[in-house]
PDB file of N, CA and C in Angstrom:
ATOM      1  N   MET A   1     -60.707 -13.780  -3.144  1.00  0.00           N
ATOM      2  CA  MET A   1     -59.904 -12.865  -3.928  1.00  0.00           C
ATOM      3  C   MET A   1     -59.174 -11.894  -3.011  1.00  0.00           C
ATOM      4  N   SER A   2     -58.095 -11.382  -3.503  1.00  0.00           N
ATOM      5  CA  SER A   2     -57.282 -10.429  -2.761  1.00  0.00           C
ATOM      6  C   SER A   2     -57.938  -9.051  -2.748  1.00  0.00           C
ATOM      7  N   ASP A   3     -57.575  -8.233  -1.759  1.00  0.00           N
ATOM      8  CA  ASP A   3     -58.115  -6.878  -1.666  1.00  0.00           C
ATOM      9  C   ASP A   3     -57.323  -5.876  -2.487  1.00  0.00           C
ATOM     10  N   SER A   4     -56.142  -6.268  -2.963  1.00  0.00           N
ATOM     11  CA  SER A   4     -55.340  -5.348  -3.769  1.00  0.00           C
ATOM     12  C   SER A   4     -55.086  -5.953  -5.151  1.00  0.00           C
ATOM     13  N   PRO A   5     -55.115  -5.130  -6.189  1.00  0.00           N
ATOM     14  CA  PRO A   5     -54.867  -5.622  -7.550  1.00  0.00           C
ATOM     15  C   PRO A   5     -53.419  -6.081  -7.716  1.00  0.00           C
ATOM     16  N   PRO A   6     -53.137  -6.842  -8.748  1.00  0.00           N
ATOM     17  CA  PRO A   6     -51.767  -7.315  -8.967  1.00  0.00           C
ATOM     18  C   PRO A   6     -50.838  -6.170  -9.361  1.00  0.00           C
ATOM     19  N   ASP A   7     -49.539  -6.418  -9.219  1.00  0.00           N
ATOM     20  CA  ASP A   7     -48.529  -5.424  -9.565  1.00  0.00           C
ATOM     21  C   ASP A   7     -48.540  -5.113 -11.058  1.00  0.00           C
ATOM     22  N   ARG A   8     -48.836  -6.116 -11.874  1.00  0.00           N
ATOM     23  CA  ARG A   8     -48.836  -5.926 -13.328  1.00  0.00           C
ATOM     24  C   ARG A   8     -50.042  -6.645 -13.921  1.00  0.00           C
ATOM     25  N   LEU A   9     -50.712  -5.974 -14.872  1.00  0.00           N
ATOM     26  CA  LEU A   9     -51.902  -6.551 -15.492  1.00  0.00           C
ATOM     27  C   LEU A   9     -52.028  -6.024 -16.912  1.00  0.00           C
ATOM     28  N   CYS A  10     -52.517  -6.875 -17.824  1.00  0.00           N
ATOM     29  CA  CYS A  10     -52.678  -6.515 -19.226  1.00  0.00           C
ATOM     30  C   CYS A  10     -54.079  -6.927 -19.694  1.00  0.00           C
ATOM     31  N   VAL A  11     -54.651  -6.167 -20.628  1.00  0.00           N
ATOM     32  CA  VAL A  11     -55.980  -6.490 -21.144  1.00  0.00           C
ATOM     33  C   VAL A  11     -55.928  -7.410 -22.364  1.00  0.00           C
ATOM     34  N   ASN A  12     -54.745  -7.654 -22.920  1.00  0.00           N
ATOM     35  CA  ASN A  12     -54.583  -8.519 -24.088  1.00  0.00           C
ATOM     36  C   ASN A  12     -54.552  -9.985 -23.646  1.00  0.00           C
ATOM     37  N   PRO A  13     -55.482 -10.822 -24.125  1.00  0.00           N
ATOM     38  CA  PRO A  13     -55.517 -12.228 -23.708  1.00  0.00           C
ATOM     39  C   PRO A  13     -54.271 -13.026 -24.081  1.00  0.00           C
ATOM     40  N   ARG A  14     -53.489 -12.557 -25.021  1.00  0.00           N
ATOM     41  CA  ARG A  14     -52.264 -13.271 -25.408  1.00  0.00           C
ATOM     42  C   ARG A  14     -51.097 -12.994 -24.458  1.00  0.00           C
ATOM     43  N   SER A  15     -51.241 -12.039 -23.574  1.00  0.00           N
ATOM     44  CA  SER A  15     -50.170 -11.667 -22.647  1.00  0.00           C
ATOM     45  C   SER A  15     -50.112 -12.633 -21.468  1.00  0.00           C
ATOM     46  N   PRO A  16     -48.919 -12.912 -20.953  1.00  0.00           N
ATOM     47  CA  PRO A  16     -48.827 -13.745 -19.743  1.00  0.00           C
ATOM     48  C   PRO A  16     -49.340 -13.016 -18.493  1.00  0.00           C
ATOM     49  N   PHE A  17     -49.556 -11.711 -18.566  1.00  0.00           N
ATOM     50  CA  PHE A  17     -50.038 -10.921 -17.435  1.00  0.00           C
ATOM     51  C   PHE A  17     -51.547 -10.672 -17.511  1.00  0.00           C
ATOM     52  N   TYR A  18     -52.241 -11.385 -18.374  1.00  0.00           N
ATOM     53  CA  TYR A  18     -53.695 -11.271 -18.526  1.00  0.00           C
ATOM     54  C   TYR A  18     -54.386 -12.101 -17.449  1.00  0.00           C
ATOM     55  N   ASP A  19     -55.439 -11.555 -16.839  1.00  0.00           N
ATOM     56  CA  ASP A  19     -56.258 -12.300 -15.887  1.00  0.00           C
ATOM     57  C   ASP A  19     -57.708 -11.840 -16.059  1.00  0.00           C
ATOM     58  N   GLY A  20     -58.488 -12.632 -16.757  1.00  0.00           N
ATOM     59  CA  GLY A  20     -59.866 -12.278 -17.079  1.00  0.00           C
ATOM     60  C   GLY A  20     -60.754 -12.081 -15.857  1.00  0.00           C
ATOM     61  N   ALA A  21     -60.548 -12.886 -14.810  1.00  0.00           N
ATOM     62  CA  ALA A  21     -61.378 -12.759 -13.610  1.00  0.00           C
ATOM     63  C   ALA A  21     -61.167 -11.405 -12.941  1.00  0.00           C
ATOM     64  N   LEU A  22     -59.928 -10.946 -12.883  1.00  0.00           N
ATOM     65  CA  LEU A  22     -59.645  -9.633 -12.286  1.00  0.00           C
ATOM     66  C   LEU A  22     -60.206  -8.513 -13.147  1.00  0.00           C
ATOM     67  N   LEU A  23     -60.115  -8.648 -14.453  1.00  0.00           N
ATOM     68  CA  LEU A  23     -60.638  -7.613 -15.344  1.00  0.00           C
ATOM     69  C   LEU A  23     -62.156  -7.546 -15.266  1.00  0.00           C
ATOM     70  N   ASP A  24     -62.820  -8.694 -15.069  1.00  0.00           N
ATOM     71  CA  ASP A  24     -64.274  -8.698 -14.897  1.00  0.00           C
ATOM     72  C   ASP A  24     -64.679  -7.982 -13.614  1.00  0.00           C
ATOM     73  N   ARG A  25     -63.835  -8.077 -12.606  1.00  0.00           N
ATOM     74  CA  ARG A  25     -64.107  -7.397 -11.339  1.00  0.00           C
ATOM     75  C   ARG A  25     -63.982  -5.878 -11.504  1.00  0.00           C
ATOM     76  N   GLY A  26     -63.116  -5.439 -12.395  1.00  0.00           N
ATOM     77  CA  GLY A  26     -62.941  -4.017 -12.670  1.00  0.00           C
ATOM     78  C   GLY A  26     -61.735  -3.445 -11.958  1.00  0.00           C
ATOM     79  N   ILE A  27     -60.871  -2.780 -12.707  1.00  0.00           N
ATOM     80  CA  ILE A  27     -59.658  -2.169 -12.166  1.00  0.00           C
ATOM     81  C   ILE A  27     -59.677  -0.682 -12.491  1.00  0.00           C
ATOM     82  N   GLY A  28     -59.448   0.140 -11.497  1.00  0.00           N
ATOM     83  CA  GLY A  28     -59.307   1.576 -11.710  1.00  0.00           C
ATOM     84  C   GLY A  28     -57.827   1.922 -11.739  1.00  0.00           C
ATOM     85  N   VAL A  29     -57.435   2.822 -12.648  1.00  0.00           N
ATOM     86  CA  VAL A  29     -56.028   3.207 -12.777  1.00  0.00           C
ATOM     87  C   VAL A  29     -55.919   4.726 -12.740  1.00  0.00           C
ATOM     88  N   ARG A  30     -55.050   5.217 -11.873  1.00  0.00           N
ATOM     89  CA  ARG A  30     -54.737   6.648 -11.827  1.00  0.00           C
ATOM     90  C   ARG A  30     -53.257   6.779 -12.191  1.00  0.00           C
ATOM     91  N   PHE A  31     -52.973   7.541 -13.259  1.00  0.00           N
ATOM     92  CA  PHE A  31     -51.608   7.722 -13.744  1.00  0.00           C
ATOM     93  C   PHE A  31     -51.240   9.193 -13.622  1.00  0.00           C
ATOM     94  N   ASN A  32     -50.211   9.488 -12.828  1.00  0.00           N
ATOM     95  CA  ASN A  32     -49.761  10.866 -12.563  1.00  0.00           C
ATOM     96  C   ASN A  32     -50.910  11.757 -12.095  1.00  0.00           C
ATOM     97  N   GLY A  33     -51.769  11.208 -11.224  1.00  0.00           N
ATOM     98  CA  GLY A  33     -52.859  11.977 -10.645  1.00  0.00           C
ATOM     99  C   GLY A  33     -54.114  12.084 -11.486  1.00  0.00           C
ATOM    100  N   VAL A  34     -54.134  11.490 -12.688  1.00  0.00           N
ATOM    101  CA  VAL A  34     -55.294  11.555 -13.577  1.00  0.00           C
ATOM    102  C   VAL A  34     -55.859  10.144 -13.751  1.00  0.00           C
ATOM    103  N   GLU A  35     -57.159   9.992 -13.505  1.00  0.00           N
ATOM    104  CA  GLU A  35     -57.791   8.690 -13.679  1.00  0.00           C
ATOM    105  C   GLU A  35     -57.903   8.377 -15.164  1.00  0.00           C
ATOM    106  N   ARG A  36     -57.368   7.220 -15.575  1.00  0.00           N
ATOM    107  CA  ARG A  36     -57.339   6.829 -16.983  1.00  0.00           C
ATOM    108  C   ARG A  36     -58.256   5.637 -17.205  1.00  0.00           C
ATOM    109  N   HIS A  37     -58.942   5.640 -18.361  1.00  0.00           N
ATOM    110  CA  HIS A  37     -59.853   4.551 -18.701  1.00  0.00           C
ATOM    111  C   HIS A  37     -59.396   3.799 -19.949  1.00  0.00           C
ATOM    112  N   ASN A  38     -58.239   4.171 -20.510  1.00  0.00           N
ATOM    113  CA  ASN A  38     -57.778   3.550 -21.745  1.00  0.00           C
ATOM    114  C   ASN A  38     -56.429   2.853 -21.590  1.00  0.00           C
ATOM    115  N   VAL A  39     -56.089   2.405 -20.403  1.00  0.00           N
ATOM    116  CA  VAL A  39     -54.802   1.754 -20.147  1.00  0.00           C
ATOM    117  C   VAL A  39     -54.844   0.322 -20.673  1.00  0.00           C
ATOM    118  N   GLU A  40     -53.877  -0.031 -21.513  1.00  0.00           N
ATOM    119  CA  GLU A  40     -53.773  -1.394 -22.055  1.00  0.00           C
ATOM    120  C   GLU A  40     -53.035  -2.320 -21.090  1.00  0.00           C
ATOM    121  N   GLU A  41     -52.027  -1.800 -20.405  1.00  0.00           N
ATOM    122  CA  GLU A  41     -51.222  -2.589 -19.480  1.00  0.00           C
ATOM    123  C   GLU A  41     -50.592  -1.635 -18.477  1.00  0.00           C
ATOM    124  N   TYR A  42     -50.348  -2.123 -17.261  1.00  0.00           N
ATOM    125  CA  TYR A  42     -49.682  -1.288 -16.265  1.00  0.00           C
ATOM    126  C   TYR A  42     -48.741  -2.127 -15.423  1.00  0.00           C
ATOM    127  N   CYS A  43     -47.763  -1.458 -14.801  1.00  0.00           N
ATOM    128  CA  CYS A  43     -46.876  -2.075 -13.828  1.00  0.00           C
ATOM    129  C   CYS A  43     -46.630  -1.046 -12.727  1.00  0.00           C
ATOM    130  N   VAL A  44     -47.105  -1.341 -11.528  1.00  0.00           N
ATOM    131  CA  VAL A  44     -47.003  -0.400 -10.420  1.00  0.00           C
ATOM    132  C   VAL A  44     -45.563  -0.292  -9.932  1.00  0.00           C
ATOM    133  N   SER A  45     -44.865  -1.419  -9.750  1.00  0.00           N
ATOM    134  CA  SER A  45     -43.518  -1.395  -9.183  1.00  0.00           C
ATOM    135  C   SER A  45     -42.512  -0.690 -10.094  1.00  0.00           C
ATOM    136  N   GLU A  46     -42.672  -0.824 -11.403  1.00  0.00           N
ATOM    137  CA  GLU A  46     -41.761  -0.163 -12.340  1.00  0.00           C
ATOM    138  C   GLU A  46     -42.246   1.229 -12.721  1.00  0.00           C
ATOM    139  N   GLY A  47     -43.503   1.559 -12.420  1.00  0.00           N
ATOM    140  CA  GLY A  47     -44.041   2.895 -12.646  1.00  0.00           C
ATOM    141  C   GLY A  47     -44.276   3.240 -14.111  1.00  0.00           C
ATOM    142  N   TRP A  48     -45.014   2.390 -14.840  1.00  0.00           N
ATOM    143  CA  TRP A  48     -45.332   2.689 -16.241  1.00  0.00           C
ATOM    144  C   TRP A  48     -46.697   2.142 -16.612  1.00  0.00           C
ATOM    145  N   VAL A  49     -47.249   2.725 -17.669  1.00  0.00           N
ATOM    146  CA  VAL A  49     -48.495   2.252 -18.274  1.00  0.00           C
ATOM    147  C   VAL A  49     -48.311   2.228 -19.789  1.00  0.00           C
ATOM    148  N   ARG A  50     -49.092   1.404 -20.455  1.00  0.00           N
ATOM    149  CA  ARG A  50     -49.142   1.398 -21.922  1.00  0.00           C
ATOM    150  C   ARG A  50     -50.474   1.990 -22.334  1.00  0.00           C
ATOM    151  N   LEU A  51     -50.420   3.033 -23.156  1.00  0.00           N
ATOM    152  CA  LEU A  51     -51.610   3.739 -23.612  1.00  0.00           C
ATOM    153  C   LEU A  51     -51.714   3.645 -25.124  1.00  0.00           C
ATOM    154  N   PRO A  52     -52.927   3.516 -25.678  1.00  0.00           N
ATOM    155  CA  PRO A  52     -53.075   3.462 -27.135  1.00  0.00           C
ATOM    156  C   PRO A  52     -52.725   4.805 -27.771  1.00  0.00           C
ATOM    157  N   VAL A  53     -52.208   4.725 -28.987  1.00  0.00           N
ATOM    158  CA  VAL A  53     -51.838   5.916 -29.747  1.00  0.00           C
ATOM    159  C   VAL A  53     -52.859   6.074 -30.868  1.00  0.00           C
ATOM    160  N   GLY A  54     -53.817   6.961 -30.668  1.00  0.00           N
ATOM    161  CA  GLY A  54     -54.848   7.193 -31.677  1.00  0.00           C
ATOM    162  C   GLY A  54     -55.640   5.935 -31.964  1.00  0.00           C
ATOM    163  N   LYS A  55     -56.018   5.778 -33.235  1.00  0.00           N
ATOM    164  CA  LYS A  55     -56.779   4.597 -33.647  1.00  0.00           C
ATOM    165  C   LYS A  55     -55.935   3.660 -34.494  1.00  0.00           C
ATOM    166  N   SER A  56     -54.615   3.840 -34.468  1.00  0.00           N
ATOM    167  CA  SER A  56     -53.712   3.020 -35.264  1.00  0.00           C
ATOM    168  C   SER A  56     -53.679   1.593 -34.750  1.00  0.00           C
ATOM    169  N   LEU A  57     -53.578   0.650 -35.687  1.00  0.00           N
ATOM    170  CA  LEU A  57     -53.481  -0.762 -35.358  1.00  0.00           C
ATOM    171  C   LEU A  57     -52.193  -1.333 -35.928  1.00  0.00           C
ATOM    172  N   ASP A  58     -51.629  -2.327 -35.247  1.00  0.00           N
ATOM    173  CA  ASP A  58     -50.471  -3.007 -35.803  1.00  0.00           C
ATOM    174  C   ASP A  58     -50.933  -4.079 -36.786  1.00  0.00           C
ATOM    175  N   ARG A  59     -50.029  -4.840 -37.340  1.00  0.00           N
ATOM    176  CA  ARG A  59     -50.398  -5.804 -38.380  1.00  0.00           C
ATOM    177  C   ARG A  59     -51.195  -6.991 -37.855  1.00  0.00           C
ATOM    178  N   LYS A  60     -51.239  -7.152 -36.531  1.00  0.00           N
ATOM    179  CA  LYS A  60     -52.045  -8.219 -35.940  1.00  0.00           C
ATOM    180  C   LYS A  60     -53.401  -7.720 -35.456  1.00  0.00           C
ATOM    181  N   GLY A  61     -53.695  -6.438 -35.675  1.00  0.00           N
ATOM    182  CA  GLY A  61     -54.982  -5.879 -35.298  1.00  0.00           C
ATOM    183  C   GLY A  61     -55.050  -5.325 -33.892  1.00  0.00           C
ATOM    184  N   ASN A  62     -53.918  -5.305 -33.184  1.00  0.00           N
ATOM    185  CA  ASN A  62     -53.877  -4.742 -31.834  1.00  0.00           C
ATOM    186  C   ASN A  62     -53.630  -3.241 -31.904  1.00  0.00           C
ATOM    187  N   ALA A  63     -54.084  -2.526 -30.903  1.00  0.00           N
ATOM    188  CA  ALA A  63     -53.857  -1.080 -30.856  1.00  0.00           C
ATOM    189  C   ALA A  63     -52.371  -0.789 -30.704  1.00  0.00           C
ATOM    190  N   MET A  64     -51.897   0.219 -31.431  1.00  0.00           N
ATOM    191  CA  MET A  64     -50.515   0.673 -31.259  1.00  0.00           C
ATOM    192  C   MET A  64     -50.454   1.382 -29.914  1.00  0.00           C
ATOM    193  N   THR A  65     -49.419   1.090 -29.128  1.00  0.00           N
ATOM    194  CA  THR A  65     -49.326   1.660 -27.794  1.00  0.00           C
ATOM    195  C   THR A  65     -47.993   2.348 -27.586  1.00  0.00           C
ATOM    196  N   MET A  66     -47.976   3.231 -26.592  1.00  0.00           N
ATOM    197  CA  MET A  66     -46.727   3.848 -26.159  1.00  0.00           C
ATOM    198  C   MET A  66     -46.612   3.648 -24.655  1.00  0.00           C
ATOM    199  N   LYS A  67     -45.387   3.523 -24.192  1.00  0.00           N
ATOM    200  CA  LYS A  67     -45.131   3.309 -22.779  1.00  0.00           C
ATOM    201  C   LYS A  67     -44.825   4.659 -22.139  1.00  0.00           C
ATOM    202  N   ALA A  68     -45.554   4.996 -21.087  1.00  0.00           N
ATOM    203  CA  ALA A  68     -45.354   6.250 -20.383  1.00  0.00           C
ATOM    204  C   ALA A  68     -44.980   5.942 -18.933  1.00  0.00           C
ATOM    205  N   SER A  69     -43.993   6.660 -18.415  1.00  0.00           N
ATOM    206  CA  SER A  69     -43.523   6.445 -17.047  1.00  0.00           C
ATOM    207  C   SER A  69     -44.067   7.511 -16.116  1.00  0.00           C
ATOM    208  N   GLY A  70     -44.335   7.115 -14.886  1.00  0.00           N
ATOM    209  CA  GLY A  70     -44.839   8.036 -13.879  1.00  0.00           C
ATOM    210  C   GLY A  70     -45.399   7.268 -12.701  1.00  0.00           C
ATOM    211  N   LYS A  71     -46.152   7.954 -11.853  1.00  0.00           N
ATOM    212  CA  LYS A  71     -46.742   7.336 -10.673  1.00  0.00           C
ATOM    213  C   LYS A  71     -48.034   6.624 -11.058  1.00  0.00           C
ATOM    214  N   VAL A  72     -48.120   5.327 -10.729  1.00  0.00           N
ATOM    215  CA  VAL A  72     -49.277   4.502 -11.069  1.00  0.00           C
ATOM    216  C   VAL A  72     -49.961   4.044  -9.781  1.00  0.00           C
ATOM    217  N   GLU A  73     -51.278   4.284  -9.682  1.00  0.00           N
ATOM    218  CA  GLU A  73     -52.085   3.798  -8.565  1.00  0.00           C
ATOM    219  C   GLU A  73     -53.219   2.968  -9.151  1.00  0.00           C
ATOM    220  N   VAL A  74     -53.485   1.796  -8.552  1.00  0.00           N
ATOM    221  CA  VAL A  74     -54.560   0.928  -9.035  1.00  0.00           C
ATOM    222  C   VAL A  74     -55.436   0.489  -7.871  1.00  0.00           C
ATOM    223  N   TRP A  75     -56.712   0.201  -8.168  1.00  0.00           N
ATOM    224  CA  TRP A  75     -57.653  -0.280  -7.170  1.00  0.00           C
ATOM    225  C   TRP A  75     -58.759  -1.042  -7.887  1.00  0.00           C
ATOM    226  N   PHE A  76     -59.480  -1.841  -7.135  1.00  0.00           N
ATOM    227  CA  PHE A  76     -60.640  -2.521  -7.670  1.00  0.00           C
ATOM    228  C   PHE A  76     -61.801  -1.547  -7.676  1.00  0.00           C
ATOM    229  N   LEU A  77     -62.606  -1.572  -8.724  1.00  0.00           N
ATOM    230  CA  LEU A  77     -63.720  -0.644  -8.850  1.00  0.00           C
ATOM    231  C   LEU A  77     -64.830  -0.900  -7.819  1.00  0.00           C
ATOM    232  N   ASP A  78     -64.900  -2.120  -7.292  1.00  0.00           N
ATOM    233  CA  ASP A  78     -65.917  -2.396  -6.291  1.00  0.00           C
ATOM    234  C   ASP A  78     -65.462  -1.977  -4.883  1.00  0.00           C
ATOM    235  N   ALA A  79     -64.252  -1.418  -4.782  1.00  0.00           N
ATOM    236  CA  ALA A  79     -63.735  -0.877  -3.513  1.00  0.00           C
ATOM    237  C   ALA A  79     -63.522   0.627  -3.673  1.00  0.00           C
ATOM    238  N   ALA A  80     -63.290   1.309  -2.601  1.00  0.00           N
ATOM    239  CA  ALA A  80     -63.065   2.763  -2.666  1.00  0.00           C
ATOM    240  C   ALA A  80     -61.696   3.060  -3.275  1.00  0.00           C
ATOM    241  N   PRO A  81     -61.582   4.097  -4.145  1.00  0.00           N
ATOM    242  CA  PRO A  81     -60.287   4.455  -4.721  1.00  0.00           C
ATOM    243  C   PRO A  81     -59.358   5.021  -3.646  1.00  0.00           C
ATOM    244  N   PRO A  82     -58.036   4.885  -3.858  1.00  0.00           N
ATOM    245  CA  PRO A  82     -57.093   5.444  -2.887  1.00  0.00           C
ATOM    246  C   PRO A  82     -57.164   6.951  -2.871  1.00  0.00           C
ATOM    247  N   ALA A  83     -56.907   7.534  -1.730  1.00  0.00           N
ATOM    248  CA  ALA A  83     -56.974   8.999  -1.592  1.00  0.00           C
ATOM    249  C   ALA A  83     -55.790   9.694  -2.213  1.00  0.00           C
TER     250      ALA A  83
END
């Protein structure tokens, strides 16, 4: 396995950016300097994350999300987080 997480990753199995093996390994996400544990999807190169909005669900049962832009840092949980 690689030492750095992918540029883009999603937790929804229906997404083309889903990778169960990487998610099992554990991914840490820091967005605008704050460590987040509720990120649905992220893209480091474009600088955005998708975060759930409350407990609302769409008609397919997925969490309603909003896209927020800013600085995104990711790391594997079994490695040290970036400084």
